[in-house]
C-alpha atoms as a PDB file:
ATOM      1  CA  MET A   1      -6.601  52.093  24.339  1.00  0.00           C
ATOM      2  CA  SER A   2     -10.017  51.374  22.869  1.00  0.00           C
ATOM      3  CA  GLU A   3     -10.764  48.715  20.331  1.00  0.00           C
ATOM      4  CA  ASN A   4     -11.161  49.649  16.712  1.00  0.00           C
ATOM      5  CA  PRO A   5     -14.853  49.196  15.893  1.00  0.00           C
ATOM      6  CA  TYR A   6     -13.880  48.640  12.140  1.00  0.00           C
ATOM      7  CA  SER A   7     -11.477  45.721  12.743  1.00  0.00           C
ATOM      8  CA  PRO A   8     -12.604  42.223  11.801  1.00  0.00           C
ATOM      9  CA  PRO A   9     -13.880  39.954  14.589  1.00  0.00           C
ATOM     10  CA  GLN A  10     -11.135  38.067  16.370  1.00  0.00           C
ATOM     11  CA  THR A  11     -11.415  34.345  16.839  1.00  0.00           C
ATOM     12  CA  HIS A  12      -9.440  31.992  19.020  1.00  0.00           C
ATOM     13  CA  GLU A  13      -9.918  28.919  16.708  1.00  0.00           C
ATOM     14  CA  PRO A  14      -6.877  27.820  14.760  1.00  0.00           C
ATOM     15  CA  VAL A  15      -6.961  28.557  11.061  1.00  0.00           C
ATOM     16  CA  LEU A  16      -6.621  25.386   9.090  1.00  0.00           C
ATOM     17  CA  GLN A  17      -4.349  25.689   6.101  1.00  0.00           C
ATOM     18  CA  SER A  18      -3.821  23.240   3.326  1.00  0.00           C
ATOM     19  CA  PRO A  19      -0.715  21.105   4.020  1.00  0.00           C
ATOM     20  CA  GLU A  20       2.435  21.966   2.094  1.00  0.00           C
ATOM     21  CA  PRO A  21       4.288  19.084   0.497  1.00  0.00           C
ATOM     22  CA  ASN A  22       6.611  17.403   2.849  1.00  0.00           C
ATOM     23  CA  LEU A  23       9.828  17.325   0.818  1.00  0.00           C
ATOM     24  CA  ALA A  24      11.973  15.974   3.622  1.00  0.00           C
ATOM     25  CA  GLY A  25      12.378  12.587   2.022  1.00  0.00           C
ATOM     26  CA  LYS A  26      15.215  12.710  -0.532  1.00  0.00           C
ATOM     27  CA  LEU A  27      13.937  11.868  -4.005  1.00  0.00           C
ATOM     28  CA  ALA A  28      15.337   8.723  -5.648  1.00  0.00           C
ATOM     29  CA  SER A  29      17.458   9.477  -8.660  1.00  0.00           C
ATOM     30  CA  ARG A  30      16.208   8.793 -12.151  1.00  0.00           C
ATOM     31  CA  TRP A  31      18.784   6.095 -12.496  1.00  0.00           C
ATOM     32  CA  GLU A  32      17.674   4.351  -9.354  1.00  0.00           C
ATOM     33  CA  ARG A  33      14.097   4.375 -10.550  1.00  0.00           C
ATOM     34  CA  LEU A  34      15.183   3.070 -13.992  1.00  0.00           C
ATOM     35  CA  GLY A  35      17.307   0.367 -12.370  1.00  0.00           C
ATOM     36  CA  ALA A  36      14.376  -0.837 -10.249  1.00  0.00           C
ATOM     37  CA  ALA A  37      12.052  -0.897 -13.242  1.00  0.00           C
ATOM     38  CA  ILE A  38      14.650  -2.910 -15.230  1.00  0.00           C
ATOM     39  CA  ILE A  39      15.001  -5.452 -12.367  1.00  0.00           C
ATOM     40  CA  ASP A  40      11.167  -5.687 -12.011  1.00  0.00           C
ATOM     41  CA  LEU A  41      10.840  -6.162 -15.881  1.00  0.00           C
ATOM     42  CA  ILE A  42      13.487  -8.935 -15.853  1.00  0.00           C
ATOM     43  CA  ILE A  43      11.723 -10.785 -13.052  1.00  0.00           C
ATOM     44  CA  LEU A  44       8.341 -10.352 -14.932  1.00  0.00           C
ATOM     45  CA  LEU A  45       9.821 -11.570 -18.215  1.00  0.00           C
ATOM     46  CA  ILE A  46      11.349 -14.697 -16.624  1.00  0.00           C
ATOM     47  CA  CYS A  47       7.902 -15.434 -15.109  1.00  0.00           C
ATOM     48  CA  MET A  48       6.197 -14.898 -18.501  1.00  0.00           C
ATOM     49  CA  ILE A  49       8.375 -17.384 -20.397  1.00  0.00           C
ATOM     50  CA  PRO A  50       5.845 -20.267 -20.008  1.00  0.00           C
ATOM     51  CA  ALA A  51       3.017 -17.994 -21.086  1.00  0.00           C
ATOM     52  CA  SER A  52       4.945 -16.775 -24.051  1.00  0.00           C
ATOM     53  CA  ILE A  53       5.019 -20.403 -25.260  1.00  0.00           C
ATOM     54  CA  LEU A  54       1.588 -21.528 -24.287  1.00  0.00           C
ATOM     55  CA  ILE A  55      -0.650 -18.500 -25.276  1.00  0.00           C
ATOM     56  CA  PRO A  56       0.255 -18.504 -28.971  1.00  0.00           C
ATOM     57  CA  LEU A  57      -0.271 -22.281 -29.156  1.00  0.00           C
ATOM     58  CA  ALA A  58      -3.704 -21.998 -27.467  1.00  0.00           C
ATOM     59  CA  VAL A  59      -4.868 -19.020 -29.515  1.00  0.00           C
ATOM     60  CA  ASN A  60      -3.625 -20.344 -32.932  1.00  0.00           C
ATOM     61  CA  HIS A  61      -4.660 -23.920 -32.197  1.00  0.00           C
ATOM     62  CA  GLY A  62      -1.374 -25.060 -33.755  1.00  0.00           C
ATOM     63  CA  ASP A  63      -1.934 -23.230 -37.026  1.00  0.00           C
ATOM     64  CA  SER A  64       1.167 -22.868 -39.122  1.00  0.00           C
ATOM     65  CA  GLY A  65       0.557 -19.200 -39.762  1.00  0.00           C
ATOM     66  CA  VAL A  66       0.395 -19.675 -43.542  1.00  0.00           C
ATOM     67  CA  THR A  67      -2.547 -17.770 -45.032  1.00  0.00           C
ATOM     68  CA  SER A  68      -4.335 -18.425 -48.211  1.00  0.00           C
ATOM     69  CA  ASN A  69      -6.757 -15.499 -48.374  1.00  0.00           C
ATOM     70  CA  TRP A  70      -7.928 -12.348 -46.586  1.00  0.00           C
ATOM     71  CA  VAL A  71     -10.363 -14.199 -44.338  1.00  0.00           C
ATOM     72  CA  ASP A  72      -7.478 -16.150 -42.900  1.00  0.00           C
ATOM     73  CA  LEU A  73      -5.632 -12.833 -42.253  1.00  0.00           C
ATOM     74  CA  ILE A  74      -8.642 -11.518 -40.265  1.00  0.00           C
ATOM     75  CA  ASP A  75      -8.681 -14.707 -38.353  1.00  0.00           C
ATOM     76  CA  LEU A  76      -4.968 -14.387 -37.438  1.00  0.00           C
ATOM     77  CA  SER A  77      -5.494 -10.689 -36.608  1.00  0.00           C
ATOM     78  CA  THR A  78      -8.276 -11.663 -34.161  1.00  0.00           C
ATOM     79  CA  ALA A  79      -6.138 -14.358 -32.679  1.00  0.00           C
ATOM     80  CA  SER A  80      -3.355 -11.859 -32.254  1.00  0.00           C
ATOM     81  CA  ILE A  81      -5.646  -9.428 -30.372  1.00  0.00           C
ATOM     82  CA  ILE A  82      -6.908 -12.261 -28.147  1.00  0.00           C
ATOM     83  CA  GLY A  83      -3.363 -13.463 -27.524  1.00  0.00           C
ATOM     84  CA  ASN A  84      -2.092  -9.963 -26.772  1.00  0.00           C
ATOM     85  CA  THR A  85      -5.019  -9.353 -24.379  1.00  0.00           C
ATOM     86  CA  ALA A  86      -4.502 -12.651 -22.576  1.00  0.00           C
ATOM     87  CA  TYR A  87      -0.739 -11.922 -22.355  1.00  0.00           C
ATOM     88  CA  SER A  88      -1.401  -8.423 -20.884  1.00  0.00           C
ATOM     89  CA  ILE A  89      -3.934  -9.641 -18.346  1.00  0.00           C
ATOM     90  CA  LEU A  90      -1.575 -12.482 -17.313  1.00  0.00           C
ATOM     91  CA  SER A  91       1.317 -10.074 -17.013  1.00  0.00           C
ATOM     92  CA  ILE A  92      -0.764  -7.719 -14.691  1.00  0.00           C
ATOM     93  CA  ILE A  93      -1.809 -10.721 -12.510  1.00  0.00           C
ATOM     94  CA  LEU A  94       1.829 -12.014 -12.263  1.00  0.00           C
ATOM     95  CA  TYR A  95       3.056  -8.436 -11.418  1.00  0.00           C
ATOM     96  CA  VAL A  96       0.506  -8.079  -8.614  1.00  0.00           C
ATOM     97  CA  LEU A  97       1.288 -11.639  -7.351  1.00  0.00           C
ATOM     98  CA  ILE A  98       5.033 -10.911  -7.339  1.00  0.00           C
ATOM     99  CA  ASN A  99       4.927  -7.348  -6.052  1.00  0.00           C
ATOM    100  CA  GLY A 100       1.505  -6.664  -4.599  1.00  0.00           C
ATOM    101  CA  TYR A 101       2.326  -7.659  -1.047  1.00  0.00           C
ATOM    102  CA  LEU A 102       5.608  -5.706  -0.973  1.00  0.00           C
ATOM    103  CA  LEU A 103       3.936  -2.672  -2.452  1.00  0.00           C
ATOM    104  CA  SER A 104       1.126  -2.620   0.081  1.00  0.00           C
ATOM    105  CA  LYS A 105       3.353  -3.272   3.087  1.00  0.00           C
ATOM    106  CA  SER A 106       6.529  -1.263   2.211  1.00  0.00           C
ATOM    107  CA  GLY A 107       5.814   0.757  -0.911  1.00  0.00           C
ATOM    108  CA  GLN A 108       8.411  -1.300  -2.706  1.00  0.00           C
ATOM    109  CA  THR A 109       8.719  -3.748  -5.604  1.00  0.00           C
ATOM    110  CA  ILE A 110      11.498  -6.285  -5.655  1.00  0.00           C
ATOM    111  CA  GLY A 111      13.592  -3.838  -7.734  1.00  0.00           C
ATOM    112  CA  LYS A 112      12.784  -0.959  -5.447  1.00  0.00           C
ATOM    113  CA  LYS A 113      13.779  -3.047  -2.403  1.00  0.00           C
ATOM    114  CA  ILE A 114      17.091  -4.030  -3.926  1.00  0.00           C
ATOM    115  CA  LEU A 115      17.892  -0.390  -4.680  1.00  0.00           C
ATOM    116  CA  ASN A 116      16.484   0.839  -1.284  1.00  0.00           C
ATOM    117  CA  ILE A 117      13.910   3.188  -2.661  1.00  0.00           C
ATOM    118  CA  GLN A 118      10.177   3.328  -1.999  1.00  0.00           C
ATOM    119  CA  ILE A 119       6.882   4.930  -3.032  1.00  0.00           C
ATOM    120  CA  VAL A 120       5.292   7.281  -0.574  1.00  0.00           C
ATOM    121  CA  ASP A 121       2.532   9.907  -0.407  1.00  0.00           C
ATOM    122  CA  TYR A 122       3.684  13.182  -1.845  1.00  0.00           C
ATOM    123  CA  HIS A 123       2.560  15.310   1.073  1.00  0.00           C
ATOM    124  CA  THR A 124       3.009  13.089   4.116  1.00  0.00           C
ATOM    125  CA  ASN A 125       5.826  10.682   3.162  1.00  0.00           C
ATOM    126  CA  GLN A 126       3.605   7.930   4.462  1.00  0.00           C
ATOM    127  CA  LEU A 127       2.852   4.632   2.638  1.00  0.00           C
ATOM    128  CA  LEU A 128       0.065   4.731   0.104  1.00  0.00           C
ATOM    129  CA  THR A 129      -3.048   2.581   0.641  1.00  0.00           C
ATOM    130  CA  PRO A 130      -3.024  -0.751  -1.359  1.00  0.00           C
ATOM    131  CA  GLY A 131      -5.945   0.697  -3.428  1.00  0.00           C
ATOM    132  CA  LYS A 132      -4.105   3.802  -4.406  1.00  0.00           C
ATOM    133  CA  ILE A 133      -0.766   2.137  -5.133  1.00  0.00           C
ATOM    134  CA  LEU A 134      -2.057  -0.855  -6.923  1.00  0.00           C
ATOM    135  CA  GLY A 135      -5.309   0.633  -8.349  1.00  0.00           C
ATOM    136  CA  ILE A 136      -4.321   4.124  -9.397  1.00  0.00           C
ATOM    137  CA  ARG A 137      -0.487   4.188  -9.664  1.00  0.00           C
ATOM    138  CA  TYR A 138      -0.046   0.816 -11.357  1.00  0.00           C
ATOM    139  CA  GLY A 139      -3.445  -0.416 -12.510  1.00  0.00           C
ATOM    140  CA  LEU A 140      -4.899   2.811 -14.089  1.00  0.00           C
ATOM    141  CA  ALA A 141      -1.516   3.649 -15.746  1.00  0.00           C
ATOM    142  CA  GLN A 142      -1.352   0.077 -17.185  1.00  0.00           C
ATOM    143  CA  LEU A 143      -4.990   0.253 -18.378  1.00  0.00           C
ATOM    144  CA  ILE A 144      -4.276   3.515 -20.206  1.00  0.00           C
ATOM    145  CA  ALA A 145      -1.110   2.007 -21.772  1.00  0.00           C
ATOM    146  CA  THR A 146      -3.143  -0.891 -23.223  1.00  0.00           C
ATOM    147  CA  ILE A 147      -5.282   1.504 -25.438  1.00  0.00           C
ATOM    148  CA  PRO A 148      -4.259   0.646 -29.087  1.00  0.00           C
ATOM    149  CA  LYS A 149      -1.842   3.281 -30.616  1.00  0.00           C
ATOM    150  CA  VAL A 150      -2.791   6.007 -28.087  1.00  0.00           C
ATOM    151  CA  GLY A 151      -1.537   3.848 -25.128  1.00  0.00           C
ATOM    152  CA  ASP A 152       2.049   3.687 -26.552  1.00  0.00           C
ATOM    153  CA  LEU A 153       2.117   7.464 -26.878  1.00  0.00           C
ATOM    154  CA  LEU A 154       0.630   8.083 -23.429  1.00  0.00           C
ATOM    155  CA  GLY A 155       3.021   5.498 -21.926  1.00  0.00           C
ATOM    156  CA  LEU A 156       6.003   7.366 -23.409  1.00  0.00           C
ATOM    157  CA  ILE A 157       4.745  10.671 -22.229  1.00  0.00           C
ATOM    158  CA  ASN A 158       4.180   9.172 -18.740  1.00  0.00           C
ATOM    159  CA  ILE A 159       7.764   8.098 -18.553  1.00  0.00           C
ATOM    160  CA  LEU A 160       9.153  11.367 -19.953  1.00  0.00           C
ATOM    161  CA  PHE A 161       7.520  13.344 -17.116  1.00  0.00           C
ATOM    162  CA  ILE A 162      10.433  11.966 -14.852  1.00  0.00           C
ATOM    163  CA  PHE A 163      12.579  14.639 -16.389  1.00  0.00           C
ATOM    164  CA  GLY A 164      10.702  17.380 -14.547  1.00  0.00           C
ATOM    165  CA  ASN A 165      12.156  19.020 -11.490  1.00  0.00           C
ATOM    166  CA  GLU A 166      10.193  16.745  -9.080  1.00  0.00           C
ATOM    167  CA  LYS A 167      11.207  13.553 -10.874  1.00  0.00           C
ATOM    168  CA  ARG A 168       7.517  12.420 -10.911  1.00  0.00           C
ATOM    169  CA  CYS A 169       5.885  10.517 -13.804  1.00  0.00           C
ATOM    170  CA  ILE A 170       2.139  10.931 -14.677  1.00  0.00           C
ATOM    171  CA  HIS A 171       1.403   7.819 -12.643  1.00  0.00           C
ATOM    172  CA  ASP A 172       2.983   9.643  -9.581  1.00  0.00           C
ATOM    173  CA  LEU A 173       0.880  12.686 -10.201  1.00  0.00           C
ATOM    174  CA  MET A 174      -2.350  10.552 -10.571  1.00  0.00           C
ATOM    175  CA  ALA A 175      -1.664   8.808  -7.245  1.00  0.00           C
ATOM    176  CA  ASN A 176      -0.151  11.837  -5.544  1.00  0.00           C
ATOM    177  CA  SER A 177       3.021   9.837  -4.841  1.00  0.00           C
ATOM    178  CA  LYS A 178       6.778  10.241  -5.153  1.00  0.00           C
ATOM    179  CA  VAL A 179       9.692   7.841  -4.965  1.00  0.00           C
ATOM    180  CA  ILE A 180      12.277   8.465  -2.243  1.00  0.00           C
ATOM    181  CA  LYS A 181      15.356   6.861  -0.830  1.00  0.00           C
ATOM    182  CA  LYS A 182      14.080   4.543   1.944  1.00  0.00           C
ATOM    183  CA  SER A 183      16.820   5.524   4.444  1.00  0.00           C
ATOM    184  CA  SER A 184      15.619   9.129   4.313  1.00  0.00           C
ATOM    185  CA  LEU A 185      12.477   8.461   6.305  1.00  0.00           C
END
């Protein structure tokens, strides 16, 4: 048999194809993810109790909160913005101090560790890099949520994405991650 002169040239090099998502890890349930988030929130709130007392005192300098004119209202509004910003920054720092090491070493927060679930790369089921898990998945999502008015809406939309087939929030899509049961690795 002779070769077909019109056939494409043959190569012996392997053809590289884009990797398909490795869905071998069993996805964590929505209830497990909610439970872990609630545990993490309770821990963070307990840690924030001292700040909840001290920040308003520091920002208002002991003011009684009674206003006599519109200039005082502007001053209180500015103090409120400063206080909220300080509170947000402190909560982020505390969250990273409490969970940063665990997230970078095991892909788990304390709540996720208690419920035996973890965050992994969507395609490989490997742990995410600390920059990706803390910077993109948590940091960028938190930064977006702090935008006045719009951040609340985007935060709600982020959470509602969990009701999709893949049970992935927008922060999972941004970081190319998924949350699985740890025993399934």
